[in-house]
């Protein structure tokens, strides 16, 4: 089995998290947003454990561990900064534009 190249899944998952939680922030209670942050951190931790187990099982050299912490903390901080500075409607519009650009890029290379 071949090892994946880079942390693309982690980066894409973090961007989707920022889009979803940032877009819903004005329309839900703050407790729901806190639960979303905790759930995201739990999923990041679970993915890290799965990745570390795969490294041991396939006898791969250990990879850098900082991207997992950066995704967990950076995603939550980015969401909160965007909510305070822009608000949910602007985040939703930005998410739609970003998803359209991503779809366009995938159609070009896919």
C-alpha atoms as a PDB file:
ATOM      1  CA  UNK A   1       0.000   0.000   0.000  1.00  0.00           C
ATOM      2  CA  UNK A   2       1.331   3.405  -0.976  1.00  0.00           C
ATOM      3  CA  UNK A   3       1.360   6.388   1.361  1.00  0.00           C
ATOM      4  CA  UNK A   4      -0.673   9.437   0.387  1.00  0.00           C
ATOM      5  CA  UNK A   5       1.176  12.573  -0.620  1.00  0.00           C
ATOM      6  CA  UNK A   6       0.622  15.568   1.596  1.00  0.00           C
ATOM      7  CA  UNK A   7      -2.205  16.662   3.818  1.00  0.00           C
ATOM      8  CA  UNK A   8      -4.798  17.535   1.158  1.00  0.00           C
ATOM      9  CA  UNK A   9      -7.644  15.717   2.889  1.00  0.00           C
ATOM     10  CA  UNK A  10      -6.937  17.564   6.109  1.00  0.00           C
ATOM     11  CA  UNK A  11      -6.772  20.957   4.377  1.00  0.00           C
ATOM     12  CA  UNK A  12      -9.961  20.401   2.363  1.00  0.00           C
ATOM     13  CA  UNK A  13     -11.817  19.131   5.426  1.00  0.00           C
ATOM     14  CA  UNK A  14     -10.744  22.184   7.403  1.00  0.00           C
ATOM     15  CA  UNK A  15     -11.882  24.556   4.645  1.00  0.00           C
ATOM     16  CA  UNK A  16     -15.286  22.816   4.470  1.00  0.00           C
ATOM     17  CA  UNK A  17     -15.571  23.087   8.243  1.00  0.00           C
ATOM     18  CA  UNK A  18     -14.870  26.824   8.101  1.00  0.00           C
ATOM     19  CA  UNK A  19     -17.478  27.239   5.346  1.00  0.00           C
ATOM     20  CA  UNK A  20     -20.192  25.304   7.158  1.00  0.00           C
ATOM     21  CA  UNK A  21     -19.731  26.592  10.693  1.00  0.00           C
ATOM     22  CA  UNK A  22     -19.063  30.144   9.536  1.00  0.00           C
ATOM     23  CA  UNK A  23     -22.147  30.110   7.329  1.00  0.00           C
ATOM     24  CA  UNK A  24     -24.446  28.864  10.067  1.00  0.00           C
ATOM     25  CA  UNK A  25     -23.109  31.052  12.897  1.00  0.00           C
ATOM     26  CA  UNK A  26     -25.709  33.830  12.753  1.00  0.00           C
ATOM     27  CA  UNK A  27     -28.574  31.339  12.569  1.00  0.00           C
ATOM     28  CA  UNK A  28     -27.812  29.013  15.499  1.00  0.00           C
ATOM     29  CA  UNK A  29     -27.181  29.358  19.220  1.00  0.00           C
ATOM     30  CA  UNK A  30     -23.567  29.885  20.379  1.00  0.00           C
ATOM     31  CA  UNK A  31     -23.740  26.503  22.132  1.00  0.00           C
ATOM     32  CA  UNK A  32     -24.280  24.822  18.781  1.00  0.00           C
ATOM     33  CA  UNK A  33     -21.159  26.511  17.426  1.00  0.00           C
ATOM     34  CA  UNK A  34     -19.198  25.345  20.468  1.00  0.00           C
ATOM     35  CA  UNK A  35     -20.460  21.798  19.896  1.00  0.00           C
ATOM     36  CA  UNK A  36     -19.354  22.060  16.250  1.00  0.00           C
ATOM     37  CA  UNK A  37     -15.855  23.102  17.357  1.00  0.00           C
ATOM     38  CA  UNK A  38     -15.646  20.195  19.802  1.00  0.00           C
ATOM     39  CA  UNK A  39     -16.913  17.750  17.191  1.00  0.00           C
ATOM     40  CA  UNK A  40     -14.376  19.033  14.679  1.00  0.00           C
ATOM     41  CA  UNK A  41     -11.547  18.642  17.181  1.00  0.00           C
ATOM     42  CA  UNK A  42     -12.759  15.119  17.969  1.00  0.00           C
ATOM     43  CA  UNK A  43     -12.793  14.190  14.277  1.00  0.00           C
ATOM     44  CA  UNK A  44      -9.324  15.685  13.729  1.00  0.00           C
ATOM     45  CA  UNK A  45      -8.028  13.693  16.711  1.00  0.00           C
ATOM     46  CA  UNK A  46      -9.636  10.501  15.421  1.00  0.00           C
ATOM     47  CA  UNK A  47      -8.167  11.034  11.944  1.00  0.00           C
ATOM     48  CA  UNK A  48      -4.741  11.642  13.502  1.00  0.00           C
ATOM     49  CA  UNK A  49      -4.963   8.373  15.451  1.00  0.00           C
ATOM     50  CA  UNK A  50      -5.971   6.471  12.310  1.00  0.00           C
ATOM     51  CA  UNK A  51      -3.058   8.026  10.416  1.00  0.00           C
ATOM     52  CA  UNK A  52      -0.587   7.148  13.180  1.00  0.00           C
ATOM     53  CA  UNK A  53      -1.913   3.579  13.305  1.00  0.00           C
ATOM     54  CA  UNK A  54      -1.463   3.235   9.536  1.00  0.00           C
ATOM     55  CA  UNK A  55       2.129   4.462   9.874  1.00  0.00           C
ATOM     56  CA  UNK A  56       2.868   1.778  12.441  1.00  0.00           C
ATOM     57  CA  UNK A  57       1.000  -0.975  10.605  1.00  0.00           C
ATOM     58  CA  UNK A  58       2.769  -0.345   7.276  1.00  0.00           C
ATOM     59  CA  UNK A  59       6.114   0.508   8.890  1.00  0.00           C
ATOM     60  CA  UNK A  60       6.254   3.975   7.354  1.00  0.00           C
ATOM     61  CA  UNK A  61       8.484   6.708   8.722  1.00  0.00           C
ATOM     62  CA  UNK A  62       6.533   9.084  10.980  1.00  0.00           C
ATOM     63  CA  UNK A  63       5.221  12.234   9.359  1.00  0.00           C
ATOM     64  CA  UNK A  64       5.070  15.732  10.741  1.00  0.00           C
ATOM     65  CA  UNK A  65       2.471  16.066  13.497  1.00  0.00           C
ATOM     66  CA  UNK A  66       2.012  19.848  13.413  1.00  0.00           C
ATOM     67  CA  UNK A  67      -0.490  19.951  10.499  1.00  0.00           C
ATOM     68  CA  UNK A  68      -3.085  18.165  12.652  1.00  0.00           C
ATOM     69  CA  UNK A  69      -2.811  20.711  15.455  1.00  0.00           C
ATOM     70  CA  UNK A  70      -2.687  23.588  12.956  1.00  0.00           C
ATOM     71  CA  UNK A  71      -5.881  22.357  11.277  1.00  0.00           C
ATOM     72  CA  UNK A  72      -7.742  21.902  14.565  1.00  0.00           C
ATOM     73  CA  UNK A  73      -6.766  25.220  16.120  1.00  0.00           C
ATOM     74  CA  UNK A  74      -6.474  27.195  12.891  1.00  0.00           C
ATOM     75  CA  UNK A  75      -9.886  26.096  11.633  1.00  0.00           C
ATOM     76  CA  UNK A  76     -11.647  27.129  14.840  1.00  0.00           C
ATOM     77  CA  UNK A  77      -9.793  30.442  15.077  1.00  0.00           C
ATOM     78  CA  UNK A  78     -10.432  31.223  11.403  1.00  0.00           C
ATOM     79  CA  UNK A  79     -14.160  30.584  11.820  1.00  0.00           C
ATOM     80  CA  UNK A  80     -14.417  32.889  14.810  1.00  0.00           C
ATOM     81  CA  UNK A  81     -12.400  35.670  13.146  1.00  0.00           C
ATOM     82  CA  UNK A  82     -14.510  35.473   9.981  1.00  0.00           C
ATOM     83  CA  UNK A  83     -17.737  35.537  11.991  1.00  0.00           C
ATOM     84  CA  UNK A  84     -16.681  38.629  13.916  1.00  0.00           C
ATOM     85  CA  UNK A  85     -15.275  40.522  10.928  1.00  0.00           C
ATOM     86  CA  UNK A  86     -17.578  39.501   8.055  1.00  0.00           C
ATOM     87  CA  UNK A  87     -20.692  37.745   9.340  1.00  0.00           C
ATOM     88  CA  UNK A  88     -22.436  34.645   8.049  1.00  0.00           C
ATOM     89  CA  UNK A  89     -23.940  36.057   4.817  1.00  0.00           C
ATOM     90  CA  UNK A  90     -20.494  37.099   3.551  1.00  0.00           C
ATOM     91  CA  UNK A  91     -19.047  33.726   4.548  1.00  0.00           C
ATOM     92  CA  UNK A  92     -21.827  31.936   2.670  1.00  0.00           C
ATOM     93  CA  UNK A  93     -21.180  34.015  -0.463  1.00  0.00           C
ATOM     94  CA  UNK A  94     -17.431  33.382  -0.160  1.00  0.00           C
ATOM     95  CA  UNK A  95     -18.049  29.661   0.278  1.00  0.00           C
ATOM     96  CA  UNK A  96     -20.213  29.505  -2.840  1.00  0.00           C
ATOM     97  CA  UNK A  97     -17.574  31.367  -4.864  1.00  0.00           C
ATOM     98  CA  UNK A  98     -14.816  29.097  -3.519  1.00  0.00           C
ATOM     99  CA  UNK A  99     -16.833  25.948  -4.275  1.00  0.00           C
ATOM    100  CA  UNK A 100     -17.553  27.194  -7.814  1.00  0.00           C
ATOM    101  CA  UNK A 101     -13.849  27.869  -8.398  1.00  0.00           C
ATOM    102  CA  UNK A 102     -12.978  24.438  -7.000  1.00  0.00           C
ATOM    103  CA  UNK A 103     -15.532  22.748  -9.264  1.00  0.00           C
ATOM    104  CA  UNK A 104     -14.198  24.674 -12.269  1.00  0.00           C
ATOM    105  CA  UNK A 105     -10.627  23.606 -11.448  1.00  0.00           C
ATOM    106  CA  UNK A 106     -11.688  19.973 -11.042  1.00  0.00           C
ATOM    107  CA  UNK A 107     -13.413  20.074 -14.414  1.00  0.00           C
ATOM    108  CA  UNK A 108     -10.232  21.410 -16.012  1.00  0.00           C
ATOM    109  CA  UNK A 109      -7.934  18.753 -14.585  1.00  0.00           C
ATOM    110  CA  UNK A 110     -10.420  15.895 -14.113  1.00  0.00           C
END
